Amino acid sequence: MNQKEISELKRRFRLGKNAISHICGCYVNNQKEIVSYLNEPLDRMPEEEAEKYLALLKKVLSGAMGRNLIDIVFSTQQVADSDEHRRLMALRDSKLKDGEVRQEFYQTVIGALDMGESNYLILLAHDAYDVPHRGKDGEDRADEGDTVFSYIVCCVCPVKDGKLELGYCAGENEFHNCAPSQIVSPPELGFLFPAFDDRAANIYNALTYARKPDELHQEFLDAIFHTEPPMSPGEQREAFQTALREGLEGACGLEVVQAVHERLSQRIERHREEKDPEPLSVTAKDVASILLDCGVEETRAEAFCAKCGELFGEGAALSPANLIDSKRFEVKTADAAISLNPEHSYLVETRVIDGKKYLLIPAGGELEVNGMPVNWVQPESE
């Protein structure tokens, strides 16, 4: 899925803009026991309550592709004959009306999911979207559409105890400490199935959501999709750094890392400015080209590619945003750390002077220490 397709679906999660008939789910305590079930018609809910449910479900389609939102790909064998794919298809095809299928899904989630000591709410909804035909001029023509996208969306929301606040008690005509007993928090994770690729259903894919990119809840993904768990952004960055360090060996110096960071940052910025709906990706060979431009020997660049193949898989498409922090550049030693705007990372140099290692930064203008302006003072020579 790309950003345009995600945005198109997100617009569905408003009152009067969708075909969601019921909100289903269950409330689970920290002992993995179902406390209560939910199966409420959306159109019979108070408007504000219905909007809150839709806002929770819509959150599953938020965030950045490759970070909060990750594609799950089923194998052909799974689609042909597997319990996990059969369960998801049964949920969708029954429009969540089959109680036994819902119960099996709840138990699968509860048995696998680790939410620590938190209670949580599992929410499910089914929608059928009459996809309008899009003309060559880019305008939608609802009366010409012939595709119905039937899908389910699921989210898991922590439920927390409310905090005590001073409030007015009408019966006593006084102010006392009071608190809502339980408050539903934004979703921690969730998914959409099937994927909405090329504005149509793709039953070979699903789209998953994680509020924290480095906490994908892989135990949940394995139980629901039973596919190879994706690497989190943090794991991808660590693997990328390992490939640079081990592949380049002694050639992995500050200037090389600066160049890789700068070139990947430029790609990220250009992609943002062009508003390309397709996710930005690079391959190990793309990064190897940067290394060669920096003067790295071809054998070392090839070793880097080979290491990436071991860690990511041959020809893997990687998101630059998961490989570097384009908004931050930090240089650390055992005793000091220097943070710069990435645009000025070229100012840092490494030198060996009289046998000692130094980080050098040209300094101009005013000098501040802990926010206080200080003067440039040249030490007196002995």
Protein backbone atom coordinates (compact mmCIF):
# COMPACT_ATOMS: atom_id res chain seq x y z
CA MET A 1 0.00 0.00 0.00
CA ASN A 2 1.11 3.55 -0.59
CA GLN A 3 0.29 6.78 1.20
CA LYS A 4 -2.52 7.77 -1.21
CA GLU A 5 -4.30 4.45 -0.70
CA ILE A 6 -3.94 4.74 3.08
CA SER A 7 -5.29 8.30 3.04
CA GLU A 8 -8.23 7.21 0.89
CA LEU A 9 -9.22 4.61 3.48
CA LYS A 10 -8.67 6.95 6.43
CA ARG A 11 -11.38 9.23 5.05
CA ARG A 12 -13.83 6.37 5.57
CA PHE A 13 -13.62 6.58 9.36
CA ARG A 14 -16.17 9.33 9.80
CA LEU A 15 -19.86 9.13 10.54
CA GLY A 16 -21.88 8.77 7.36
CA LYS A 17 -18.78 7.98 5.26
CA ASN A 18 -18.52 4.21 5.84
CA ALA A 19 -20.54 1.00 5.77
CA ILE A 20 -19.54 -0.19 9.25
CA SER A 21 -22.63 -1.67 10.85
CA HIS A 22 -21.24 -2.99 14.16
CA ILE A 23 -18.25 -2.47 16.44
CA CYS A 24 -17.16 -5.80 17.92
CA GLY A 25 -14.57 -6.66 20.52
CA CYS A 26 -13.80 -7.76 24.03
CA TYR A 27 -12.27 -6.33 27.19
CA VAL A 28 -9.38 -8.40 28.58
CA ASN A 29 -7.83 -8.08 32.06
CA ASN A 30 -4.16 -8.57 32.95
CA GLN A 31 -4.85 -12.22 33.82
CA LYS A 32 -5.78 -12.85 30.16
CA GLU A 33 -9.46 -13.25 31.09
CA ILE A 34 -12.27 -11.78 29.01
CA VAL A 35 -14.23 -9.44 31.27
CA SER A 36 -16.90 -8.42 28.77
CA TYR A 37 -17.83 -8.52 25.08
CA LEU A 38 -18.78 -5.73 22.73
CA ASN A 39 -21.10 -6.06 19.71
CA GLU A 40 -22.84 -2.75 19.23
CA PRO A 41 -24.56 -1.26 16.15
CA LEU A 42 -22.65 1.88 15.19
CA ASP A 43 -25.79 3.77 14.16
CA ARG A 44 -27.42 3.26 17.57
CA MET A 45 -24.54 4.72 19.53
CA PRO A 46 -24.55 8.34 20.71
CA GLU A 47 -22.76 10.37 18.04
CA GLU A 48 -19.79 11.33 20.25
CA GLU A 49 -19.31 7.72 21.34
CA ALA A 50 -19.41 6.44 17.75
CA GLU A 51 -16.87 9.06 16.70
CA LYS A 52 -14.48 7.92 19.46
CA TYR A 53 -14.67 4.30 18.29
CA LEU A 54 -14.01 5.36 14.69
CA ALA A 55 -11.07 7.52 15.81
CA LEU A 56 -9.50 4.53 17.58
CA LEU A 57 -9.87 2.32 14.50
CA LYS A 58 -8.60 5.06 12.18
CA LYS A 59 -5.41 5.31 14.24
CA VAL A 60 -4.37 1.91 12.83
CA LEU A 61 -3.80 3.69 9.49
CA SER A 62 -1.57 6.45 10.90
CA GLY A 63 2.18 6.90 11.00
CA ALA A 64 5.00 6.36 8.53
CA MET A 65 5.23 3.47 6.11
CA GLY A 66 8.08 1.16 7.05
CA ARG A 67 8.03 2.40 10.64
CA ASN A 68 4.56 2.45 12.24
CA LEU A 69 2.95 0.80 9.21
CA ILE A 70 4.46 -2.41 7.87
CA ASP A 71 3.36 -4.68 5.04
CA ILE A 72 2.83 -8.34 5.88
CA VAL A 73 3.17 -10.74 2.95
CA PHE A 74 1.58 -14.21 2.98
CA SER A 75 3.11 -17.06 1.03
CA THR A 76 1.11 -18.73 -1.74
CA GLN A 77 0.87 -21.85 0.44
CA GLN A 78 -0.59 -19.85 3.33
CA VAL A 79 -3.27 -18.33 1.11
CA ALA A 80 -4.11 -21.75 -0.31
CA ASP A 81 -4.26 -23.62 2.98
CA SER A 82 -3.39 -22.23 6.41
CA ASP A 83 -5.31 -21.68 9.64
CA GLU A 84 -4.13 -18.07 10.01
CA HIS A 85 -5.25 -16.96 6.54
CA ARG A 86 -8.47 -18.97 6.73
CA ARG A 87 -9.32 -17.25 10.04
CA LEU A 88 -8.81 -13.75 8.62
CA MET A 89 -10.84 -14.56 5.51
CA ALA A 90 -13.64 -15.98 7.67
CA LEU A 91 -13.76 -12.78 9.73
CA ARG A 92 -13.96 -10.68 6.58
CA ASP A 93 -16.37 -12.87 4.60
CA SER A 94 -18.77 -13.22 7.54
CA LYS A 95 -18.63 -9.44 8.07
CA LEU A 96 -17.80 -10.29 11.73
CA LYS A 97 -21.25 -11.86 12.17
CA ASP A 98 -19.92 -15.34 13.01
CA GLY A 99 -19.56 -15.48 16.79
CA GLU A 100 -17.44 -18.64 16.79
CA VAL A 101 -14.93 -17.13 14.38
CA ARG A 102 -14.71 -13.96 16.48
CA GLN A 103 -14.20 -16.01 19.64
CA GLU A 104 -11.41 -18.04 17.99
CA PHE A 105 -9.73 -14.80 16.93
CA TYR A 106 -10.00 -13.29 20.43
CA GLN A 107 -8.48 -16.38 22.03
CA THR A 108 -5.63 -16.41 19.50
CA VAL A 109 -4.81 -12.79 20.32
CA ILE A 110 -5.13 -13.26 24.07
CA GLY A 111 -3.01 -16.40 24.10
CA ALA A 112 -0.13 -14.71 22.28
CA LEU A 113 -0.18 -11.02 23.14
CA ASP A 114 2.06 -9.71 25.92
CA MET A 115 0.72 -6.42 27.27
CA GLY A 116 2.47 -6.67 30.62
CA GLU A 117 0.19 -5.72 33.49
CA SER A 118 -2.19 -3.70 31.31
CA ASN A 119 -5.82 -4.49 30.70
CA TYR A 120 -6.76 -3.98 27.06
CA LEU A 121 -9.63 -3.70 24.61
CA ILE A 122 -9.68 -5.60 21.30
CA LEU A 123 -11.78 -3.80 18.68
CA LEU A 124 -12.91 -5.14 15.30
CA ALA A 125 -14.91 -3.56 12.49
CA HIS A 126 -15.88 -4.55 8.95
CA ASP A 127 -16.38 -2.09 6.12
CA ALA A 128 -17.38 -2.46 2.46
CA TYR A 129 -16.08 0.38 0.31
CA ASP A 130 -17.61 1.02 -3.13
CA VAL A 131 -14.38 2.20 -4.74
CA PRO A 132 -15.13 5.00 -7.20
CA HIS A 133 -13.56 4.88 -10.66
CA ARG A 134 -10.70 7.33 -11.00
CA GLY A 135 -10.52 9.04 -14.39
CA LYS A 136 -7.43 10.14 -16.26
CA ASP A 137 -7.95 13.62 -14.83
CA GLY A 138 -7.50 12.20 -11.32
CA GLU A 139 -11.12 12.85 -10.36
CA ASP A 140 -13.26 10.12 -8.75
CA ARG A 141 -16.48 9.09 -10.46
CA ALA A 142 -18.59 7.20 -7.93
CA ASP A 143 -21.25 6.25 -10.47
CA GLU A 144 -18.66 4.45 -12.63
CA GLY A 145 -17.05 2.29 -9.94
CA ASP A 146 -17.39 -1.49 -10.13
CA THR A 147 -15.09 -2.59 -7.26
CA VAL A 148 -16.16 -3.24 -3.67
CA PHE A 149 -13.31 -3.42 -1.16
CA SER A 150 -14.43 -5.58 1.76
CA TYR A 151 -12.04 -5.47 4.69
CA ILE A 152 -11.63 -5.73 8.45
CA VAL A 153 -9.67 -3.49 10.76
CA CYS A 154 -8.52 -4.43 14.25
CA CYS A 155 -6.86 -2.49 17.05
CA VAL A 156 -5.69 -3.31 20.56
CA CYS A 157 -6.04 -0.44 23.05
CA PRO A 158 -4.59 -0.42 26.59
CA VAL A 159 -7.18 0.34 29.26
CA LYS A 160 -5.80 2.28 32.22
CA ASP A 161 -7.09 3.45 35.57
CA GLY A 162 -8.13 7.08 35.61
CA LYS A 163 -6.16 9.57 37.72
CA LEU A 164 -7.71 11.22 40.71
CA GLU A 165 -8.80 14.79 39.98
CA LEU A 166 -10.70 17.32 42.05
CA GLY A 167 -14.25 17.36 40.73
CA TYR A 168 -17.72 18.65 41.56
CA CYS A 169 -20.15 16.13 43.10
CA ALA A 170 -23.64 17.40 42.28
CA GLY A 171 -25.42 15.27 44.89
CA GLU A 172 -23.32 16.62 47.76
CA ASN A 173 -22.90 20.09 46.29
CA GLU A 174 -19.18 19.83 47.11
CA PHE A 175 -15.83 19.20 45.45
CA HIS A 176 -14.08 15.86 46.07
CA ASN A 177 -11.43 13.63 44.50
CA CYS A 178 -12.98 11.61 41.71
CA ALA A 179 -11.75 9.67 38.68
CA PRO A 180 -13.14 7.71 35.75
CA SER A 181 -12.67 4.05 36.65
CA GLN A 182 -11.20 2.92 33.31
CA ILE A 183 -9.94 4.94 30.33
CA VAL A 184 -9.30 3.53 26.85
CA SER A 185 -5.92 4.71 25.49
CA PRO A 186 -4.96 5.04 21.80
CA PRO A 187 -4.16 1.74 20.08
CA GLU A 188 -0.85 0.06 20.82
CA LEU A 189 -1.09 -2.14 17.72
CA GLY A 190 -3.49 -3.34 15.06
CA PHE A 191 -3.91 -4.32 11.43
CA LEU A 192 -5.97 -4.03 8.27
CA PHE A 193 -6.80 -7.08 6.13
CA PRO A 194 -6.66 -7.51 3.21
CA ALA A 195 -4.33 -4.81 1.89
CA PHE A 196 -5.76 -2.08 -0.36
CA ASP A 197 -3.27 -2.33 -3.26
CA ASP A 198 -3.97 -0.52 -6.53
CA ARG A 199 -7.31 0.43 -4.94
CA ALA A 200 -8.45 -3.21 -4.76
CA ALA A 201 -8.22 -6.12 -2.31
CA ASN A 202 -4.93 -8.00 -2.13
CA ILE A 203 -5.49 -11.10 0.02
CA TYR A 204 -1.75 -11.89 -0.12
CA ASN A 205 -0.98 -8.86 2.03
CA ALA A 206 -2.04 -7.19 5.25
CA LEU A 207 -1.01 -3.87 6.79
CA THR A 208 0.06 -3.82 10.45
CA TYR A 209 0.34 -0.89 12.85
CA ALA A 210 2.57 -0.35 15.88
CA ARG A 211 2.41 2.84 17.96
CA LYS A 212 6.10 2.45 18.84
CA PRO A 213 8.14 1.42 15.78
CA ASP A 214 10.66 -0.47 17.90
CA GLU A 215 7.94 -2.45 19.72
CA LEU A 216 6.16 -4.36 16.97
CA HIS A 217 4.75 -7.03 19.33
CA GLN A 218 6.16 -9.81 17.19
CA GLU A 219 4.42 -12.42 19.34
CA PHE A 220 1.12 -10.95 18.11
CA LEU A 221 2.26 -10.84 14.47
CA ASP A 222 3.42 -14.44 14.60
CA ALA A 223 0.14 -15.69 16.07
CA ILE A 224 -2.13 -13.77 13.70
CA PHE A 225 -0.11 -13.95 10.46
CA HIS A 226 2.45 -16.71 11.13
CA THR A 227 4.95 -15.07 8.78
CA GLU A 228 8.60 -14.22 9.25
CA PRO A 229 8.51 -11.32 11.75
CA PRO A 230 9.70 -8.05 10.23
CA MET A 231 12.74 -6.27 11.64
CA SER A 232 11.87 -3.24 13.72
CA PRO A 233 13.36 0.13 12.66
CA GLY A 234 15.80 -0.09 15.57
CA GLU A 235 16.92 -3.56 14.50
CA GLN A 236 17.30 -2.36 10.90
CA ARG A 237 19.51 0.56 11.96
CA GLU A 238 21.66 -1.68 14.13
CA ALA A 239 22.04 -4.22 11.29
CA PHE A 240 22.94 -1.43 8.83
CA GLN A 241 25.62 -0.12 11.15
CA THR A 242 26.96 -3.65 11.58
CA ALA A 243 27.16 -4.07 7.79
CA LEU A 244 29.10 -0.81 7.45
CA ARG A 245 31.46 -1.57 10.32
CA GLU A 246 32.19 -5.19 9.43
CA GLY A 247 32.05 -4.82 5.66
CA LEU A 248 34.33 -1.77 5.44
CA GLU A 249 36.57 -2.72 8.38
CA GLY A 250 39.29 -0.04 8.63
CA ALA A 251 37.70 2.06 5.88
CA CYS A 252 34.67 2.90 8.04
CA GLY A 253 35.83 6.38 9.04
CA LEU A 254 34.03 9.57 9.97
CA GLU A 255 34.07 10.97 6.42
CA VAL A 256 32.46 7.83 5.00
CA VAL A 257 29.70 7.82 7.62
CA GLN A 258 29.15 11.56 7.06
CA ALA A 259 28.73 10.99 3.32
CA VAL A 260 26.29 8.09 3.75
CA HIS A 261 24.25 10.10 6.27
CA GLU A 262 24.20 13.18 4.03
CA ARG A 263 23.23 11.34 0.83
CA LEU A 264 20.47 9.32 2.50
CA SER A 265 19.17 12.49 4.21
CA GLN A 266 19.00 14.19 0.82
CA ARG A 267 16.93 11.32 -0.58
CA ILE A 268 14.54 11.52 2.37
CA GLU A 269 14.13 15.28 1.95
CA ARG A 270 13.64 15.05 -1.82
CA HIS A 271 11.04 12.32 -1.39
CA ARG A 272 9.18 14.50 1.13
CA GLU A 273 9.26 17.56 -1.13
CA GLU A 274 8.03 15.61 -4.15
CA LYS A 275 5.18 14.13 -2.07
CA ASP A 276 5.66 10.77 -3.73
CA PRO A 277 2.96 8.41 -2.35
CA GLU A 278 5.17 5.34 -2.83
CA PRO A 279 7.40 4.47 0.14
CA LEU A 280 11.04 5.51 -0.29
CA SER A 281 13.51 2.63 -0.39
CA VAL A 282 17.17 1.94 -1.16
CA THR A 283 19.16 -1.24 -1.69
CA ALA A 284 22.61 -2.23 -0.50
CA LYS A 285 23.88 -1.53 -4.03
CA ASP A 286 22.58 2.06 -3.79
CA VAL A 287 24.56 2.58 -0.59
CA ALA A 288 27.59 0.85 -2.16
CA SER A 289 27.56 3.50 -4.90
CA ILE A 290 27.85 6.17 -2.21
CA LEU A 291 30.75 4.29 -0.66
CA LEU A 292 32.56 4.09 -4.00
CA ASP A 293 32.07 7.84 -4.47
CA CYS A 294 33.80 8.31 -1.11
CA GLY A 295 36.85 6.45 -2.30
CA VAL A 296 36.09 3.15 -0.59
CA GLU A 297 37.75 0.24 -2.41
CA GLU A 298 35.46 -1.86 -4.56
CA THR A 299 36.25 -5.02 -2.58
CA ARG A 300 35.15 -3.31 0.65
CA ALA A 301 31.92 -2.05 -0.99
CA GLU A 302 31.23 -5.58 -2.19
CA ALA A 303 31.86 -6.91 1.32
CA PHE A 304 29.32 -4.40 2.62
CA CYS A 305 26.73 -5.64 0.10
CA ALA A 306 27.42 -9.24 1.08
CA LYS A 307 26.95 -8.41 4.76
CA CYS A 308 23.66 -6.65 4.00
CA GLY A 309 22.54 -9.77 2.13
CA GLU A 310 23.22 -11.85 5.25
CA LEU A 311 21.41 -9.47 7.58
CA PHE A 312 18.50 -8.23 5.44
CA GLY A 313 18.20 -10.78 2.64
CA GLU A 314 19.46 -10.48 -0.91
CA GLY A 315 18.15 -7.44 -2.75
CA ALA A 316 16.11 -6.23 0.24
CA ALA A 317 14.47 -2.81 -0.15
CA LEU A 318 15.32 -0.72 2.91
CA SER A 319 13.75 2.48 4.18
CA PRO A 320 16.42 5.20 4.60
CA ALA A 321 14.44 6.62 7.52
CA ASN A 322 15.06 3.34 9.37
CA LEU A 323 18.78 3.36 8.62
CA ILE A 324 19.67 6.87 9.81
CA ASP A 325 18.22 9.69 11.89
CA SER A 326 18.01 12.40 9.24
CA LYS A 327 17.36 15.10 11.87
CA ARG A 328 20.33 14.34 14.10
CA PHE A 329 24.07 13.78 13.75
CA GLU A 330 26.03 12.87 16.88
CA VAL A 331 29.69 12.08 17.41
CA LYS A 332 30.65 10.43 20.70
CA THR A 333 33.86 9.55 22.46
CA ALA A 334 34.33 7.94 25.86
CA ASP A 335 34.27 11.37 27.52
CA ALA A 336 32.29 13.68 25.25
CA ALA A 337 29.41 13.87 22.79
CA ILE A 338 28.82 16.42 20.03
CA SER A 339 25.42 16.88 18.38
CA LEU A 340 25.05 18.89 15.20
CA ASN A 341 22.45 19.80 12.67
CA PRO A 342 23.02 17.12 9.97
CA GLU A 343 23.47 19.89 7.40
CA HIS A 344 26.64 20.91 9.24
CA SER A 345 28.05 17.46 9.94
CA TYR A 346 30.91 18.20 7.51
CA LEU A 347 32.35 20.60 10.11
CA VAL A 348 33.56 17.74 12.31
CA GLU A 349 36.99 16.33 11.53
CA THR A 350 39.19 13.72 13.16
CA ARG A 351 42.89 14.42 13.63
CA VAL A 352 45.86 12.83 15.36
CA ILE A 353 48.13 15.53 16.81
CA ASP A 354 51.30 14.59 18.65
CA GLY A 355 50.01 11.04 18.96
CA LYS A 356 46.67 12.09 20.50
CA LYS A 357 43.26 11.72 18.83
CA TYR A 358 41.15 14.87 18.47
CA LEU A 359 37.74 15.90 17.18
CA LEU A 360 38.01 19.31 15.52
CA ILE A 361 35.16 21.74 14.86
CA PRO A 362 35.75 25.18 13.35
CA ALA A 363 34.10 27.72 15.62
CA GLY A 364 32.93 31.19 14.72
CA GLY A 365 30.60 33.79 16.13
CA GLU A 366 29.51 33.80 19.75
CA LEU A 367 30.47 31.14 22.27
CA GLU A 368 28.03 29.92 24.96
CA VAL A 369 28.48 27.61 27.93
CA ASN A 370 25.26 26.23 29.42
CA GLY A 371 23.41 29.09 27.72
CA MET A 372 25.74 31.81 29.05
CA PRO A 373 27.79 33.87 26.57
CA VAL A 374 31.52 33.67 27.25
CA ASN A 375 34.53 35.25 25.64
CA TRP A 376 37.12 33.62 23.46
CA VAL A 377 40.27 33.69 25.60
CA GLN A 378 43.65 32.74 24.21
CA PRO A 379 45.71 30.98 26.94
CA GLU A 380 48.90 32.84 27.75
CA SER A 381 52.02 31.08 26.52
CA GLU A 382 54.53 30.13 29.18
